[in-house]
Amino acid sequence: AVVSTQSTGEYLEKWKRKKKEVNAEKKRFNSELTAKKREITEAQGMAEQRCPRVDTRRSAKDLEQQIRNMELRIQQGSSSSVNVDDITRRFHDAKTKFEEIQTMVKKMKKFSRDLQQILEEREGRYFRFRKEISKRINYFFIMNLSQRGYTGKLHVDHDKKLLEMQLNVDTSGASQDTHDVRSLSGGERSFSTVCFICSLWNLMESPFRCLDEFDVFMDLMNRKVAMKLLVEHAVQNQQRRQYILFTPQDMSHFNKKFKNMKIMQLEAPERSNDDE
């Protein structure tokens, strides 16, 4: 078979033209694709200016339906008698009030934290002060007992709110064991009570101190040491305090030893024959 050279040339020219048309169409589609991408990017930028992007699995159809519903509601609101300016004003007022309350809440939280810190610091100082008071009262108690030759100690349990008093009344020093005050005689308990009260007085600022018949159950030696302890304590602190001691014993011999000490002795009550 013989193929015409002219036919072959026309065939090639035809496909070259077709190729140019396809390339032109491809170029046009690429230009449109670039333009659409640019439009999408600009639309996304404008949307993100209004609100952040929200990831969702809802279809475009559902979203379009929601948009139409919202637009319908907006149209219904616009056609009603609602004043848009009034709603806007009320919104800004509510927002301002909310911000004020939010600021107030932040200040109150900071104030609460500051108060909590102050409370913890004061509580720490209180516990340290309480511990120091317990040490000092025990020290004064030991010193007061030593004037009679006794030894002992005080144990304060703040958690259980208990005070334990231990004494050793053996003046010979043969025994170092301490005993609970309940095992002591009445005079020894009374003397230890006076020592404890004087220890408390060293840590108190009360202007008046009164004791009534504190030496009733004491023997002569304990009574003498206790009276001397009380009177000397009163003389040392007489500038800021007044001491009033009631006792059925004779106190006239103290009047000559200490100044600013006044003894008031009551007359013995008259007893009738019926009382006898």
Protein backbone atom coordinates (compact mmCIF):
# COMPACT_ATOMS: atom_id res chain seq x y z
CA ALA A 1 0.00 0.00 0.00
CA VAL A 2 1.17 3.48 -0.75
CA VAL A 3 0.55 6.22 1.87
CA SER A 4 0.30 9.68 0.57
CA THR A 5 2.91 12.05 1.98
CA GLN A 6 0.39 14.86 1.94
CA SER A 7 -2.12 12.78 3.98
CA THR A 8 0.51 12.00 6.63
CA GLY A 9 1.48 15.67 6.94
CA GLU A 10 -2.12 16.70 7.40
CA TYR A 11 -2.59 14.01 10.05
CA LEU A 12 0.41 15.28 12.03
CA GLU A 13 -0.74 18.87 11.78
CA LYS A 14 -4.14 17.88 13.07
CA TRP A 15 -2.70 16.25 16.21
CA LYS A 16 -0.36 19.13 16.81
CA ARG A 17 -3.31 21.49 16.81
CA LYS A 18 -5.14 19.13 19.14
CA LYS A 19 -2.16 19.07 21.46
CA LYS A 20 -2.05 22.87 21.56
CA GLU A 21 -5.74 22.98 22.38
CA VAL A 22 -5.30 20.44 25.19
CA ASN A 23 -2.33 22.37 26.61
CA ALA A 24 -4.29 25.61 26.42
CA GLU A 25 -7.25 23.93 28.18
CA LYS A 26 -4.89 22.55 30.85
CA LYS A 27 -3.36 25.97 31.37
CA ARG A 28 -6.82 27.48 31.74
CA PHE A 29 -7.83 24.83 34.30
CA ASN A 30 -4.62 25.40 36.28
CA SER A 31 -5.31 29.14 36.34
CA GLU A 32 -8.83 28.53 37.57
CA LEU A 33 -7.53 26.07 40.22
CA THR A 34 -5.02 28.64 41.47
CA ALA A 35 -7.75 31.29 41.59
CA LYS A 36 -10.06 28.95 43.52
CA LYS A 37 -7.32 28.06 45.99
CA ARG A 38 -6.67 31.77 46.52
CA GLU A 39 -10.38 32.37 47.08
CA ILE A 40 -10.51 29.49 49.60
CA THR A 41 -7.48 30.84 51.46
CA GLU A 42 -8.99 34.33 51.62
CA ALA A 43 -12.32 32.92 52.77
CA GLN A 44 -10.62 30.89 55.49
CA GLY A 45 -8.72 33.98 56.64
CA MET A 46 -11.92 36.02 56.85
CA ALA A 47 -13.68 33.19 58.70
CA GLU A 48 -10.87 32.79 61.20
CA GLN A 49 -11.04 36.52 61.95
CA ARG A 50 -14.60 36.01 63.14
CA CYS A 51 -13.96 32.81 65.11
CA PRO A 52 -11.32 30.08 65.35
CA ARG A 53 -11.55 27.10 63.07
CA VAL A 54 -13.73 24.32 64.46
CA ASP A 55 -13.04 20.71 63.54
CA THR A 56 -16.25 18.84 62.86
CA ARG A 57 -17.43 15.62 61.31
CA ARG A 58 -20.71 17.09 60.15
CA SER A 59 -21.38 17.15 56.44
CA ALA A 60 -21.48 20.31 54.39
CA LYS A 61 -25.20 19.77 53.87
CA ASP A 62 -25.85 19.81 57.62
CA LEU A 63 -23.77 22.96 58.05
CA GLU A 64 -25.57 24.70 55.19
CA GLN A 65 -28.91 23.79 56.77
CA GLN A 66 -27.77 25.21 60.10
CA ILE A 67 -26.65 28.40 58.40
CA ARG A 68 -30.03 28.75 56.71
CA ASN A 69 -31.80 28.23 60.05
CA MET A 70 -29.63 30.89 61.70
CA GLU A 71 -30.24 33.32 58.85
CA LEU A 72 -33.96 32.68 59.19
CA ARG A 73 -33.85 33.43 62.89
CA ILE A 74 -31.89 36.62 62.22
CA GLN A 75 -34.47 37.70 59.67
CA GLN A 76 -37.29 36.98 62.10
CA GLY A 77 -35.51 38.98 64.79
CA SER A 78 -34.93 41.86 62.41
CA SER A 79 -38.58 41.93 61.39
CA SER A 80 -39.82 41.93 65.01
CA SER A 81 -40.01 44.89 67.35
CA VAL A 82 -36.68 44.07 69.05
CA ASN A 83 -34.37 47.07 69.26
CA VAL A 84 -30.94 46.01 68.12
CA ASP A 85 -29.29 49.05 69.71
CA ASP A 86 -30.92 48.24 73.04
CA ILE A 87 -29.75 44.63 72.86
CA THR A 88 -26.23 45.81 72.01
CA ARG A 89 -26.23 48.24 74.93
CA ARG A 90 -27.48 45.58 77.33
CA PHE A 91 -24.82 43.20 76.05
CA HIS A 92 -22.03 45.70 76.68
CA ASP A 93 -23.42 46.51 80.14
CA ALA A 94 -23.54 42.84 81.03
CA LYS A 95 -20.03 42.35 79.68
CA THR A 96 -18.71 45.30 81.71
CA LYS A 97 -20.38 44.00 84.86
CA PHE A 98 -19.00 40.53 84.23
CA GLU A 99 -15.46 41.91 83.84
CA GLU A 100 -15.85 43.90 87.06
CA ILE A 101 -17.03 40.84 88.95
CA GLN A 102 -14.22 38.79 87.43
CA THR A 103 -11.68 41.38 88.61
CA MET A 104 -13.25 41.40 92.06
CA VAL A 105 -13.10 37.60 92.25
CA LYS A 106 -9.40 37.68 91.36
CA LYS A 107 -8.75 40.25 94.10
CA MET A 108 -10.71 38.20 96.63
CA LYS A 109 -8.75 35.07 95.72
CA LYS A 110 -5.48 36.95 96.20
CA PHE A 111 -6.76 38.36 99.49
CA SER A 112 -7.75 34.85 100.61
CA ARG A 113 -4.28 33.53 99.75
CA ASP A 114 -2.67 36.38 101.67
CA LEU A 115 -4.89 35.70 104.69
CA GLN A 116 -4.06 32.00 104.55
CA GLN A 117 -0.35 32.80 104.50
CA ILE A 118 -0.71 35.21 107.44
CA LEU A 119 -2.75 32.61 109.34
CA GLU A 120 -0.09 29.95 108.79
CA GLU A 121 2.65 32.34 109.94
CA ARG A 122 0.69 33.32 113.06
CA GLU A 123 -0.09 29.69 113.78
CA GLY A 124 3.60 28.85 113.52
CA ARG A 125 4.49 31.68 115.92
CA TYR A 126 1.74 30.55 118.29
CA PHE A 127 3.08 26.99 118.43
CA ARG A 128 6.62 28.26 119.02
CA PHE A 129 5.37 30.62 121.74
CA ARG A 130 3.36 27.82 123.37
CA LYS A 131 6.41 25.56 123.40
CA GLU A 132 8.55 28.30 124.92
CA ILE A 133 5.93 28.97 127.62
CA SER A 134 5.91 25.27 128.52
CA LYS A 135 9.70 25.29 128.88
CA ARG A 136 9.71 28.42 131.03
CA ILE A 137 6.96 27.29 133.37
CA ASN A 138 8.79 23.99 133.88
CA TYR A 139 12.00 25.91 134.63
CA PHE A 140 10.32 28.14 137.25
CA PHE A 141 8.57 25.13 138.76
CA ILE A 142 11.92 23.32 139.21
CA MET A 143 13.49 26.44 140.75
CA ASN A 144 10.61 26.89 143.19
CA LEU A 145 10.75 23.25 144.26
CA SER A 146 14.48 23.52 144.90
CA GLN A 147 13.86 26.02 147.74
CA ARG A 148 12.40 23.12 149.73
CA GLY A 149 14.96 20.63 148.46
CA TYR A 150 12.45 18.90 146.23
CA THR A 151 12.96 17.94 142.61
CA GLY A 152 10.41 17.45 139.89
CA LYS A 153 9.15 18.49 136.50
CA LEU A 154 6.07 19.47 134.55
CA HIS A 155 4.96 17.79 131.35
CA VAL A 156 2.41 19.66 129.25
CA ASP A 157 0.60 17.71 126.53
CA HIS A 158 -1.07 20.38 124.40
CA ASP A 159 -2.66 17.89 122.04
CA LYS A 160 -4.43 15.98 124.83
CA LYS A 161 -4.77 19.14 126.98
CA LEU A 162 -3.18 17.43 129.97
CA LEU A 163 -0.72 18.64 132.61
CA GLU A 164 1.35 16.03 134.41
CA MET A 165 3.25 17.00 137.58
CA GLN A 166 6.05 14.73 138.85
CA LEU A 167 7.82 15.28 142.21
CA ASN A 168 10.58 13.78 144.30
CA VAL A 169 10.25 14.86 147.94
CA ASP A 170 13.27 12.91 149.17
CA THR A 171 15.49 15.74 150.43
CA SER A 172 18.30 13.34 151.33
CA GLY A 173 19.06 12.63 147.68
CA ALA A 174 18.96 8.88 148.21
CA SER A 175 16.27 8.44 145.55
CA GLN A 176 15.98 10.10 142.16
CA ASP A 177 12.57 8.66 141.30
CA THR A 178 9.69 11.05 140.75
CA HIS A 179 6.11 10.36 141.75
CA ASP A 180 2.69 11.57 140.75
CA VAL A 181 1.27 14.21 143.10
CA ARG A 182 -1.62 11.90 143.98
CA SER A 183 0.79 9.69 145.91
CA LEU A 184 2.03 12.61 148.07
CA SER A 185 0.74 13.86 151.39
CA GLY A 186 -1.68 16.77 151.62
CA GLY A 187 1.02 19.20 152.69
CA GLU A 188 3.36 18.14 149.89
CA ARG A 189 0.58 18.51 147.34
CA SER A 190 -0.28 21.95 148.69
CA PHE A 191 3.35 23.05 148.51
CA SER A 192 3.73 21.75 144.94
CA THR A 193 0.52 23.62 144.03
CA VAL A 194 2.00 26.86 145.42
CA CYS A 195 5.17 26.26 143.37
CA PHE A 196 3.07 25.71 140.28
CA ILE A 197 1.01 28.85 140.89
CA CYS A 198 4.14 30.96 141.37
CA SER A 199 5.49 29.53 138.11
CA LEU A 200 2.30 30.59 136.37
CA TRP A 201 2.50 34.06 137.92
CA ASN A 202 5.94 34.55 136.36
CA LEU A 203 4.32 34.27 132.94
CA MET A 204 1.13 36.24 133.57
CA GLU A 205 0.36 39.97 133.49
CA SER A 206 -2.67 40.00 135.77
CA PRO A 207 -2.46 43.02 138.18
CA PHE A 208 -4.11 41.13 141.05
CA ARG A 209 -3.09 37.77 142.52
CA CYS A 210 -5.14 36.18 145.31
CA LEU A 211 -4.75 32.93 147.24
CA ASP A 212 -7.07 31.68 149.97
CA GLU A 213 -5.95 29.27 152.73
CA PHE A 214 -3.30 27.72 150.53
CA ASP A 215 -1.33 26.40 153.55
CA VAL A 216 -4.08 24.58 155.40
CA PHE A 217 -2.70 21.06 154.86
CA MET A 218 0.99 21.99 155.02
CA ASP A 219 3.31 21.01 157.80
CA LEU A 220 5.40 23.64 159.53
CA MET A 221 8.42 23.36 157.22
CA ASN A 222 6.41 23.41 153.99
CA ARG A 223 4.28 26.27 155.28
CA LYS A 224 7.34 28.33 156.13
CA VAL A 225 9.00 27.78 152.73
CA ALA A 226 5.75 28.37 150.85
CA MET A 227 5.03 31.63 152.66
CA LYS A 228 8.59 32.81 152.07
CA LEU A 229 8.29 31.88 148.38
CA LEU A 230 5.01 33.76 147.97
CA VAL A 231 6.10 36.85 149.87
CA GLU A 232 9.45 37.11 148.06
CA HIS A 233 7.67 36.66 144.73
CA ALA A 234 5.25 39.44 145.69
CA VAL A 235 8.04 41.78 146.79
CA GLN A 236 9.97 41.27 143.56
CA ASN A 237 6.92 42.16 141.45
CA GLN A 238 5.14 44.65 143.70
CA GLN A 239 5.62 47.65 141.37
CA ARG A 240 3.06 46.46 138.86
CA ARG A 241 0.95 43.99 140.86
CA GLN A 242 -0.90 43.54 144.09
CA TYR A 243 -0.91 40.29 146.05
CA ILE A 244 -3.64 39.29 148.48
CA LEU A 245 -3.01 36.20 150.61
CA PHE A 246 -5.56 34.73 153.01
CA THR A 247 -4.30 32.42 155.74
CA PRO A 248 -5.38 31.44 159.24
CA GLN A 249 -1.73 31.48 160.33
CA ASP A 250 0.12 34.25 162.13
CA MET A 251 1.95 36.51 159.64
CA SER A 252 3.17 39.23 161.99
CA HIS A 253 6.82 38.18 161.70
CA PHE A 254 6.81 39.01 157.94
CA ASN A 255 5.78 42.59 158.57
CA LYS A 256 9.20 43.45 159.94
CA LYS A 257 11.15 41.93 157.04
CA PHE A 258 9.45 43.44 154.00
CA LYS A 259 8.34 46.95 153.17
CA ASN A 260 5.06 47.80 151.43
CA MET A 261 3.49 44.81 153.11
CA LYS A 262 0.32 45.31 155.10
CA ILE A 263 -1.05 42.62 157.37
CA MET A 264 -4.73 42.78 158.30
CA GLN A 265 -5.69 40.42 161.09
CA LEU A 266 -9.32 39.76 161.86
CA GLU A 267 -10.55 39.27 165.38
CA ALA A 268 -11.58 35.80 166.38
CA PRO A 269 -15.33 35.29 166.05
CA GLU A 270 -17.34 35.22 169.24
CA ARG A 271 -18.76 31.83 169.98
CA SER A 272 -21.83 31.34 172.09
CA ASN A 273 -22.40 28.55 174.55
CA ASP A 274 -24.67 26.85 172.04
CA ASP A 275 -21.79 26.65 169.53
CA GLU A 276 -19.66 24.90 172.10
